[in-house]
Amino acid sequence: YGFAQSDWQNRHSASSLIGGSVAKVYSIEGVVPVIDPSAFVHPTAVLIGDVIIGPRCYVGPLACLRGDFGRLIMEEGATLQDTCVVHGFPGSDTVIEVDGHIGHGAVIHGARIGRNALVGMNAVVMDNAVIGESSIVAAMSFVKAGMVVPPRSMVMGMPAKVARTLTDDEIAWKHRGTLEYQQLAVRCMQSLQEVEPLTQVENNRQRLPFDNSQNALKPKTSKSS
C-alpha cells in the first residue's frame, strides 16, 4: 500500500475517537465489538455484538454492522461505505476479505466477499453467496442466496448473473479506488472533526488536495458491460 503497517500503527492509535465522539458500539449478551486501533470507524456508524474490524479498515457514516445473530468480519484494508448494512443469520459468518470494497448503501447478509472484490452501490448480496477474488458486483444488482461467483467476474442484474471476465485494467482500477479509501481512513484520523457550518462561502475557498494523476476514482467504461 505504499507504507509499512508499523508506520500506520505508530501514527494512529485511537481510531474511533473523532472530535471527542466515538462510534456507536454496543455489546449484547456479553459479546463486544472489536475495532483494530489502525481502523477508522465513523462516529455515526453502529456496531453491535460480534463484529470484528481488522487493521486499516474504513467504516463510513451511518453504516450498520449488526452482529446480534452471526459474526461479522472485516479483514485488513476492507472498506464499508455510507449507509451499508451488514448482518447474518444465527451461527453464520459474514466476511469481507482483505481489500474488499462495499459501495454506498449496499447490503451484505450472511455472504463472503472475496479478496479485492467490489460490491457496487445499493447492491444486495444474500446468504451463503460467495463473491470470488477480484470480482465486481454492479450497482443495484441482487445476488441470490448461495450463488458462487468465480474470481475476476463482472456480475450484474436482478437476479445477478456473471456477465463476463474482468480485464487486468479494470481490476487495477478497482484496487486503486480501494487504496483511496484506505488513505481516506488516514485523512479522517488526522483531520476529521465536528464543526459548526460557515454562514457564507469564503473568498478563494480552498479545495481538498487530491492527486488524480492515476485517475483512481474515474469510472471505467466498457462496451461489453
Protein backbone atom coordinates (compact mmCIF):
# COMPACT_ATOMS: atom_id res chain seq x y z
CA TYR A 1 0.00 0.00 0.00
CA GLY A 2 2.99 2.33 -0.17
CA PHE A 3 3.66 2.42 3.57
CA ALA A 4 4.58 -0.07 6.28
CA GLN A 5 1.89 -1.26 8.67
CA SER A 6 4.16 -0.37 11.59
CA ASP A 7 4.28 3.24 10.35
CA TRP A 8 0.48 3.31 10.17
CA GLN A 9 0.16 1.97 13.72
CA ASN A 10 2.70 4.43 15.06
CA ARG A 11 0.82 7.38 13.58
CA HIS A 12 -2.73 6.29 14.53
CA SER A 13 -3.54 4.80 17.91
CA ALA A 14 -7.13 5.87 18.76
CA SER A 15 -9.02 5.47 15.55
CA SER A 16 -12.59 5.56 16.86
CA LEU A 17 -12.10 8.97 18.53
CA ILE A 18 -13.09 11.84 16.25
CA GLY A 19 -13.76 15.31 17.58
CA GLY A 20 -14.48 13.90 21.03
CA SER A 21 -17.00 11.38 19.67
CA VAL A 22 -16.81 7.62 19.41
CA ALA A 23 -18.53 5.17 17.12
CA LYS A 24 -21.81 3.83 18.50
CA VAL A 25 -20.61 0.48 19.85
CA TYR A 26 -22.87 -1.88 21.77
CA SER A 27 -22.33 -5.25 23.44
CA ILE A 28 -25.05 -7.89 23.52
CA GLU A 29 -25.08 -10.86 25.91
CA GLY A 30 -21.50 -10.02 26.85
CA VAL A 31 -20.12 -10.03 23.28
CA VAL A 32 -18.29 -6.78 22.50
CA PRO A 33 -17.28 -5.49 19.04
CA VAL A 34 -13.57 -5.32 18.23
CA ILE A 35 -12.02 -2.37 16.35
CA ASP A 36 -8.34 -2.56 15.45
CA PRO A 37 -6.54 0.65 16.51
CA SER A 38 -5.49 1.32 12.91
CA ALA A 39 -9.07 1.18 11.57
CA PHE A 40 -11.30 4.22 11.11
CA VAL A 41 -14.96 3.89 12.13
CA HIS A 42 -17.10 6.99 11.68
CA PRO A 43 -18.81 8.22 14.88
CA THR A 44 -22.27 7.75 13.35
CA ALA A 45 -21.66 4.10 12.43
CA VAL A 46 -23.33 1.46 14.62
CA LEU A 47 -21.58 -1.76 15.71
CA ILE A 48 -23.46 -4.35 17.74
CA GLY A 49 -22.15 -7.56 19.27
CA ASP A 50 -19.97 -10.00 17.36
CA VAL A 51 -18.26 -7.56 14.99
CA ILE A 52 -14.54 -7.67 14.20
CA ILE A 53 -12.98 -4.73 12.34
CA GLY A 54 -9.45 -5.50 11.20
CA PRO A 55 -6.39 -3.32 10.56
CA ARG A 56 -6.63 -0.31 8.25
CA CYS A 57 -10.34 -0.74 7.56
CA TYR A 58 -12.67 2.14 6.76
CA VAL A 59 -16.29 2.21 8.01
CA GLY A 60 -18.27 5.18 6.72
CA PRO A 61 -21.05 7.36 8.14
CA LEU A 62 -24.30 5.63 9.15
CA ALA A 63 -23.04 2.14 8.32
CA CYS A 64 -24.65 -0.56 10.46
CA LEU A 65 -22.94 -3.81 11.43
CA ARG A 66 -25.41 -5.87 13.48
CA GLY A 67 -23.60 -8.82 14.99
CA ASP A 68 -26.57 -9.80 17.15
CA PHE A 69 -27.07 -13.16 15.40
CA GLY A 70 -23.96 -14.13 13.42
CA ARG A 71 -20.33 -12.96 13.34
CA LEU A 72 -19.34 -10.07 11.07
CA ILE A 73 -15.70 -9.77 9.99
CA MET A 74 -13.92 -7.06 8.04
CA GLU A 75 -10.41 -8.23 7.19
CA GLU A 76 -7.40 -5.98 6.68
CA GLY A 77 -7.94 -2.96 4.44
CA ALA A 78 -11.64 -3.67 3.79
CA THR A 79 -13.88 -0.66 3.26
CA LEU A 80 -17.57 -0.21 4.05
CA GLN A 81 -19.15 3.00 2.81
CA ASP A 82 -22.04 5.18 3.94
CA THR A 83 -25.38 3.56 4.96
CA CYS A 84 -24.24 -0.01 4.25
CA VAL A 85 -25.86 -2.79 6.28
CA VAL A 86 -24.04 -5.98 7.27
CA HIS A 87 -25.94 -8.77 9.07
CA GLY A 88 -26.29 -12.55 9.09
CA PHE A 89 -28.38 -15.42 10.40
CA PRO A 90 -27.59 -17.11 13.75
CA GLY A 91 -24.32 -19.03 13.68
CA SER A 92 -23.24 -17.61 10.34
CA ASP A 93 -20.08 -15.70 9.43
CA THR A 94 -20.40 -12.69 7.16
CA VAL A 95 -16.93 -11.86 5.87
CA ILE A 96 -15.42 -9.05 3.81
CA GLU A 97 -11.96 -10.31 2.95
CA VAL A 98 -8.72 -8.34 2.57
CA ASP A 99 -9.20 -5.20 0.44
CA GLY A 100 -12.89 -5.97 -0.09
CA HIS A 101 -14.80 -2.83 -1.02
CA ILE A 102 -18.52 -2.28 -0.30
CA GLY A 103 -20.15 0.70 -2.04
CA HIS A 104 -22.70 3.19 -0.68
CA GLY A 105 -25.94 1.69 0.55
CA ALA A 106 -25.12 -1.95 -0.18
CA VAL A 107 -26.48 -4.81 1.94
CA ILE A 108 -24.34 -7.85 2.77
CA HIS A 109 -26.30 -10.61 4.54
CA GLY A 110 -24.51 -13.80 5.53
CA ALA A 111 -22.24 -13.72 2.47
CA ARG A 112 -18.50 -13.86 1.82
CA ILE A 113 -16.94 -11.07 -0.23
CA GLY A 114 -13.60 -12.22 -1.62
CA ARG A 115 -10.23 -10.56 -1.52
CA ASN A 116 -10.10 -7.35 -3.55
CA ALA A 117 -13.73 -7.75 -4.67
CA LEU A 118 -16.09 -4.78 -5.11
CA VAL A 119 -19.81 -4.68 -4.34
CA GLY A 120 -21.37 -1.67 -6.05
CA MET A 121 -23.76 0.93 -4.70
CA ASN A 122 -27.15 -0.33 -3.44
CA ALA A 123 -26.37 -3.92 -4.42
CA VAL A 124 -27.65 -6.77 -2.22
CA VAL A 125 -25.64 -9.95 -1.61
CA MET A 126 -27.61 -12.68 0.14
CA ASP A 127 -26.84 -15.57 2.47
CA ASN A 128 -24.14 -18.13 1.60
CA ALA A 129 -23.26 -16.29 -1.59
CA VAL A 130 -19.53 -16.15 -2.34
CA ILE A 131 -18.10 -13.32 -4.43
CA GLY A 132 -14.80 -14.50 -5.88
CA GLU A 133 -11.49 -12.71 -5.59
CA SER A 134 -11.16 -9.50 -7.64
CA SER A 135 -14.76 -9.67 -8.87
CA ILE A 136 -17.17 -6.75 -9.22
CA VAL A 137 -20.89 -6.79 -8.41
CA ALA A 138 -22.51 -3.97 -10.37
CA ALA A 139 -24.56 -1.28 -8.63
CA MET A 140 -28.19 -2.21 -7.89
CA SER A 141 -27.58 -5.92 -8.51
CA PHE A 142 -29.26 -8.65 -6.46
CA VAL A 143 -27.07 -11.68 -5.75
CA LYS A 144 -29.24 -14.63 -4.76
CA ALA A 145 -28.54 -16.80 -1.74
CA GLY A 146 -25.94 -19.48 -2.40
CA MET A 147 -24.60 -18.02 -5.65
CA VAL A 148 -20.89 -18.68 -6.15
CA VAL A 149 -19.16 -16.10 -8.35
CA PRO A 150 -15.84 -17.14 -9.92
CA PRO A 151 -12.79 -14.89 -9.44
CA ARG A 152 -12.36 -11.89 -11.77
CA SER A 153 -16.03 -11.82 -12.78
CA MET A 154 -18.35 -8.93 -13.63
CA VAL A 155 -21.73 -9.70 -12.06
CA MET A 156 -24.89 -7.70 -12.77
CA GLY A 157 -28.65 -7.84 -12.84
CA MET A 158 -31.71 -8.75 -10.76
CA PRO A 159 -31.11 -11.58 -10.19
CA ALA A 160 -27.40 -11.18 -10.81
CA LYS A 161 -25.60 -13.25 -13.43
CA VAL A 162 -21.96 -13.43 -14.46
CA ALA A 163 -21.69 -11.16 -17.50
CA ARG A 164 -18.03 -11.57 -18.41
CA THR A 165 -14.45 -11.77 -17.15
CA LEU A 166 -12.84 -8.58 -15.90
CA THR A 167 -9.75 -7.18 -17.58
CA ASP A 168 -6.48 -6.50 -15.79
CA ASP A 169 -7.09 -2.76 -16.23
CA GLU A 170 -10.50 -2.99 -14.53
CA ILE A 171 -9.10 -4.93 -11.60
CA ALA A 172 -6.26 -2.41 -11.25
CA TRP A 173 -8.83 0.43 -11.32
CA LYS A 174 -10.79 -1.23 -8.53
CA HIS A 175 -7.66 -1.68 -6.43
CA ARG A 176 -6.69 1.99 -6.85
CA GLY A 177 -10.14 3.01 -5.63
CA THR A 178 -9.73 0.86 -2.54
CA LEU A 179 -6.34 2.45 -1.86
CA GLU A 180 -8.05 5.85 -1.95
CA TYR A 181 -10.44 4.71 0.79
CA GLN A 182 -7.61 3.27 2.85
CA GLN A 183 -5.92 6.66 2.56
CA LEU A 184 -9.25 8.30 3.47
CA ALA A 185 -9.11 6.41 6.76
CA VAL A 186 -5.74 8.08 7.43
CA ARG A 187 -7.06 11.51 6.40
CA CYS A 188 -10.07 11.14 8.70
CA MET A 189 -7.94 10.17 11.66
CA GLN A 190 -5.63 13.10 11.03
CA SER A 191 -8.13 15.89 10.38
CA LEU A 192 -11.83 14.96 10.61
CA GLN A 193 -13.61 16.97 13.29
CA GLU A 194 -17.14 18.06 14.07
CA VAL A 195 -17.59 21.80 13.45
CA GLU A 196 -20.24 24.49 13.10
CA PRO A 197 -21.02 25.40 9.46
CA LEU A 198 -19.96 28.69 7.93
CA THR A 199 -22.75 31.11 7.03
CA GLN A 200 -21.27 32.07 3.68
CA VAL A 201 -18.67 30.94 1.20
CA GLU A 202 -15.19 32.33 1.82
CA ASN A 203 -13.26 34.20 -0.83
CA ASN A 204 -10.84 31.87 -2.64
CA ARG A 205 -12.36 28.84 -0.91
CA GLN A 206 -9.82 26.02 -0.91
CA ARG A 207 -10.44 22.63 -2.45
CA LEU A 208 -9.42 19.35 -0.93
CA PRO A 209 -5.97 18.36 -2.22
CA PHE A 210 -6.13 15.29 -4.42
CA ASP A 211 -3.65 13.77 -6.82
CA ASN A 212 -5.70 12.47 -9.75
CA SER A 213 -2.70 11.55 -11.86
CA GLN A 214 -3.72 7.89 -11.76
CA ASN A 215 -7.43 8.62 -12.36
CA ALA A 216 -8.14 6.33 -9.43
CA LEU A 217 -11.75 7.38 -8.99
CA LYS A 218 -12.66 7.92 -12.64
CA PRO A 219 -15.30 5.33 -13.63
CA LYS A 220 -14.18 2.66 -16.06
CA THR A 221 -16.37 2.06 -19.08
CA SER A 222 -16.58 -0.91 -21.36
CA LYS A 223 -18.71 -1.59 -24.42
CA SER A 224 -19.18 -5.16 -23.25
CA SER A 225 -20.60 -4.16 -19.86
